Each structure stands twice: as structure tokens, then as C-alpha cells.
Amino acid sequence: MALEINDANFDELVLKSTKPVLVDFWAEWCGPCRMVGPIVEELANEYGDKAVIGKVNVDHNPNISTNFGIRNIPTILFFKNGVVVDKQVGAVPKANLAAKLNAQM
């Protein structure tokens, strides 16, 4: 299951992670976000201990969204060693997200 990432745990779960991290920025009212959500959950189940997969609700965590310049959702950021190394804006097939995550392994 994807982790719920928020203002309080972002540094610990994302920036300090020694594993690659995928963060899905989403909101409940966002249609495309509801399409991507199940894909993110599948990736969380498949990658298990190899990567950190999480979700940030932009309505509940505006600080994180502002810090990373999130203007459109869904936006998925890929982190490695605490640094953004890739980005995906909009709904895309699972294979696209898996390829970007695999590139960080």
C-alpha cells in the first residue's frame, strides 16, 4: 500500500530515504488522479521493499506542493538520495511510471 506522505513526515520518508522514491501529488476532486491512484497502489505492492511509494494530498499539504512547484495534478516526482531526478505530469500508463522508477534502481 502506498504511504500517506504529509508535511510532518516528508523529510523522513522522502528526503532521507536510501531507496528510490515515487511521490504522487493528488487531490480527491481530481479525475485524472483517480485514474493514476490504482496504478500507484499496484506499484507500491510490486516494489515493496525496493522503493518508497507514497502519495501527497495537495489540499491537505500545501507546503510540500508549493516547495516543489506543483501546479498541475496528478504530478509524480521521482527522488533519489533526496533529490528530484524525474517528473511525470498527467495520467500515464503504468509501464511509463514503472520505467521511470526502474531507471532509479
C-alpha atoms as a PDB file:
ATOM      1  CA  MET A   1       0.000   0.000   0.000  1.00  0.00           C
ATOM      2  CA  ALA A   2       1.248   3.495  -0.856  1.00  0.00           C
ATOM      3  CA  LEU A   3       2.359   5.554   2.130  1.00  0.00           C
ATOM      4  CA  GLU A   4       0.496   8.700   3.097  1.00  0.00           C
ATOM      5  CA  ILE A   5       3.121  11.409   2.939  1.00  0.00           C
ATOM      6  CA  ASN A   6       2.461  14.739   4.632  1.00  0.00           C
ATOM      7  CA  ASP A   7       4.214  17.888   5.810  1.00  0.00           C
ATOM      8  CA  ALA A   8       5.255  16.162   9.051  1.00  0.00           C
ATOM      9  CA  ASN A   9       6.836  13.001   7.590  1.00  0.00           C
ATOM     10  CA  PHE A  10       8.057  14.198   4.166  1.00  0.00           C
ATOM     11  CA  ASP A  11      11.703  14.720   5.154  1.00  0.00           C
ATOM     12  CA  GLU A  12      11.944  11.344   6.870  1.00  0.00           C
ATOM     13  CA  LEU A  13      10.141   9.270   4.208  1.00  0.00           C
ATOM     14  CA  VAL A  14      11.330  11.031   1.058  1.00  0.00           C
ATOM     15  CA  LEU A  15      14.393  13.219   1.506  1.00  0.00           C
ATOM     16  CA  LYS A  16      16.257  10.867   3.872  1.00  0.00           C
ATOM     17  CA  SER A  17      15.337   7.648   2.058  1.00  0.00           C
ATOM     18  CA  THR A  18      18.179   5.462   0.835  1.00  0.00           C
ATOM     19  CA  LYS A  19      15.789   3.872  -1.683  1.00  0.00           C
ATOM     20  CA  PRO A  20      14.291   5.426  -4.827  1.00  0.00           C
ATOM     21  CA  VAL A  21      11.057   7.284  -4.040  1.00  0.00           C
ATOM     22  CA  LEU A  22       7.931   7.864  -6.129  1.00  0.00           C
ATOM     23  CA  VAL A  23       5.582  10.567  -4.800  1.00  0.00           C
ATOM     24  CA  ASP A  24       2.127  11.029  -6.310  1.00  0.00           C
ATOM     25  CA  PHE A  25       0.718  14.547  -5.771  1.00  0.00           C
ATOM     26  CA  TRP A  26      -3.071  14.261  -5.975  1.00  0.00           C
ATOM     27  CA  ALA A  27      -6.448  15.526  -4.719  1.00  0.00           C
ATOM     28  CA  GLU A  28      -9.791  13.820  -4.141  1.00  0.00           C
ATOM     29  CA  TRP A  29     -11.608  16.085  -6.633  1.00  0.00           C
ATOM     30  CA  CYS A  30      -9.139  15.370  -9.466  1.00  0.00           C
ATOM     31  CA  GLY A  31     -10.466  12.938 -12.098  1.00  0.00           C
ATOM     32  CA  PRO A  32      -7.100  12.012 -13.654  1.00  0.00           C
ATOM     33  CA  CYS A  33      -5.744  11.496 -10.111  1.00  0.00           C
ATOM     34  CA  ARG A  34      -8.376   8.810  -9.572  1.00  0.00           C
ATOM     35  CA  MET A  35      -7.108   7.086 -12.724  1.00  0.00           C
ATOM     36  CA  VAL A  36      -3.481   7.142 -11.538  1.00  0.00           C
ATOM     37  CA  GLY A  37      -4.252   6.193  -7.907  1.00  0.00           C
ATOM     38  CA  PRO A  38      -4.772   2.453  -8.507  1.00  0.00           C
ATOM     39  CA  ILE A  39      -1.595   2.327 -10.622  1.00  0.00           C
ATOM     40  CA  VAL A  40       0.409   3.884  -7.779  1.00  0.00           C
ATOM     41  CA  GLU A  41      -1.070   1.308  -5.381  1.00  0.00           C
ATOM     42  CA  GLU A  42      -0.067  -1.533  -7.755  1.00  0.00           C
ATOM     43  CA  LEU A  43       3.478  -0.172  -7.942  1.00  0.00           C
ATOM     44  CA  ALA A  44       3.604   0.045  -4.139  1.00  0.00           C
ATOM     45  CA  ASN A  45       2.658  -3.634  -3.913  1.00  0.00           C
ATOM     46  CA  GLU A  46       5.077  -4.720  -6.638  1.00  0.00           C
ATOM     47  CA  TYR A  47       8.126  -2.752  -5.491  1.00  0.00           C
ATOM     48  CA  GLY A  48       7.632  -3.491  -1.798  1.00  0.00           C
ATOM     49  CA  ASP A  49      10.970  -3.022  -0.044  1.00  0.00           C
ATOM     50  CA  LYS A  50      12.878  -1.928  -3.181  1.00  0.00           C
ATOM     51  CA  ALA A  51      11.376   1.579  -3.318  1.00  0.00           C
ATOM     52  CA  VAL A  52       9.259   4.004  -1.318  1.00  0.00           C
ATOM     53  CA  ILE A  53       5.914   4.727  -2.967  1.00  0.00           C
ATOM     54  CA  GLY A  54       3.773   7.453  -1.467  1.00  0.00           C
ATOM     55  CA  LYS A  55       1.001   9.941  -2.045  1.00  0.00           C
ATOM     56  CA  VAL A  56       0.669  13.604  -1.046  1.00  0.00           C
ATOM     57  CA  ASN A  57      -2.807  15.117  -0.902  1.00  0.00           C
ATOM     58  CA  VAL A  58      -2.157  18.651  -2.184  1.00  0.00           C
ATOM     59  CA  ASP A  59      -5.229  20.067  -0.415  1.00  0.00           C
ATOM     60  CA  HIS A  60      -4.010  18.848   2.980  1.00  0.00           C
ATOM     61  CA  ASN A  61      -0.285  19.507   2.472  1.00  0.00           C
ATOM     62  CA  PRO A  62       0.149  22.817   0.643  1.00  0.00           C
ATOM     63  CA  ASN A  63       3.705  23.371   1.909  1.00  0.00           C
ATOM     64  CA  ILE A  64       5.147  20.357   0.087  1.00  0.00           C
ATOM     65  CA  SER A  65       3.235  21.206  -3.087  1.00  0.00           C
ATOM     66  CA  THR A  66       4.472  24.802  -3.018  1.00  0.00           C
ATOM     67  CA  ASN A  67       8.078  23.796  -2.278  1.00  0.00           C
ATOM     68  CA  PHE A  68       8.179  21.571  -5.373  1.00  0.00           C
ATOM     69  CA  GLY A  69       6.202  23.900  -7.644  1.00  0.00           C
ATOM     70  CA  ILE A  70       3.281  21.536  -8.125  1.00  0.00           C
ATOM     71  CA  ARG A  71       0.799  23.419 -10.327  1.00  0.00           C
ATOM     72  CA  ASN A  72      -0.943  20.546 -12.102  1.00  0.00           C
ATOM     73  CA  ILE A  73      -2.126  17.238 -10.720  1.00  0.00           C
ATOM     74  CA  PRO A  74      -1.542  14.435 -10.894  1.00  0.00           C
ATOM     75  CA  THR A  75       2.177  15.122 -10.767  1.00  0.00           C
ATOM     76  CA  ILE A  76       4.530  12.326  -9.859  1.00  0.00           C
ATOM     77  CA  LEU A  77       8.034  13.157  -8.688  1.00  0.00           C
ATOM     78  CA  PHE A  78      10.841  10.616  -8.563  1.00  0.00           C
ATOM     79  CA  PHE A  79      13.526  11.132  -5.914  1.00  0.00           C
ATOM     80  CA  LYS A  80      16.926   9.562  -5.474  1.00  0.00           C
ATOM     81  CA  ASN A  81      19.115  10.470  -2.499  1.00  0.00           C
ATOM     82  CA  GLY A  82      16.705  13.258  -1.571  1.00  0.00           C
ATOM     83  CA  VAL A  83      16.849  14.949  -4.975  1.00  0.00           C
ATOM     84  CA  VAL A  84      14.148  15.118  -7.673  1.00  0.00           C
ATOM     85  CA  VAL A  85      15.539  13.152 -10.615  1.00  0.00           C
ATOM     86  CA  ASP A  86      12.438  12.781 -12.798  1.00  0.00           C
ATOM     87  CA  LYS A  87       8.880  14.043 -13.110  1.00  0.00           C
ATOM     88  CA  GLN A  88       5.630  12.952 -14.732  1.00  0.00           C
ATOM     89  CA  VAL A  89       2.666  15.320 -15.108  1.00  0.00           C
ATOM     90  CA  GLY A  90      -0.734  13.888 -16.001  1.00  0.00           C
ATOM     91  CA  ALA A  91      -2.189  10.420 -16.217  1.00  0.00           C
ATOM     92  CA  VAL A  92       0.016   7.872 -17.985  1.00  0.00           C
ATOM     93  CA  PRO A  93       0.063   4.074 -18.280  1.00  0.00           C
ATOM     94  CA  LYS A  94       1.640   2.002 -15.529  1.00  0.00           C
ATOM     95  CA  ALA A  95       4.527   0.998 -17.807  1.00  0.00           C
ATOM     96  CA  ASN A  96       5.663   4.632 -18.075  1.00  0.00           C
ATOM     97  CA  LEU A  97       5.824   5.063 -14.295  1.00  0.00           C
ATOM     98  CA  ALA A  98       7.497   1.680 -13.797  1.00  0.00           C
ATOM     99  CA  ALA A  99      10.169   2.578 -16.391  1.00  0.00           C
ATOM    100  CA  LYS A 100      10.931   5.893 -14.649  1.00  0.00           C
ATOM    101  CA  LEU A 101      11.112   4.147 -11.272  1.00  0.00           C
ATOM    102  CA  ASN A 102      13.311   1.340 -12.645  1.00  0.00           C
ATOM    103  CA  ALA A 103      15.728   3.946 -14.018  1.00  0.00           C
ATOM    104  CA  GLN A 104      16.387   4.997 -10.394  1.00  0.00           C
ATOM    105  CA  MET A 105      17.217   1.490  -9.156  1.00  0.00           C
END
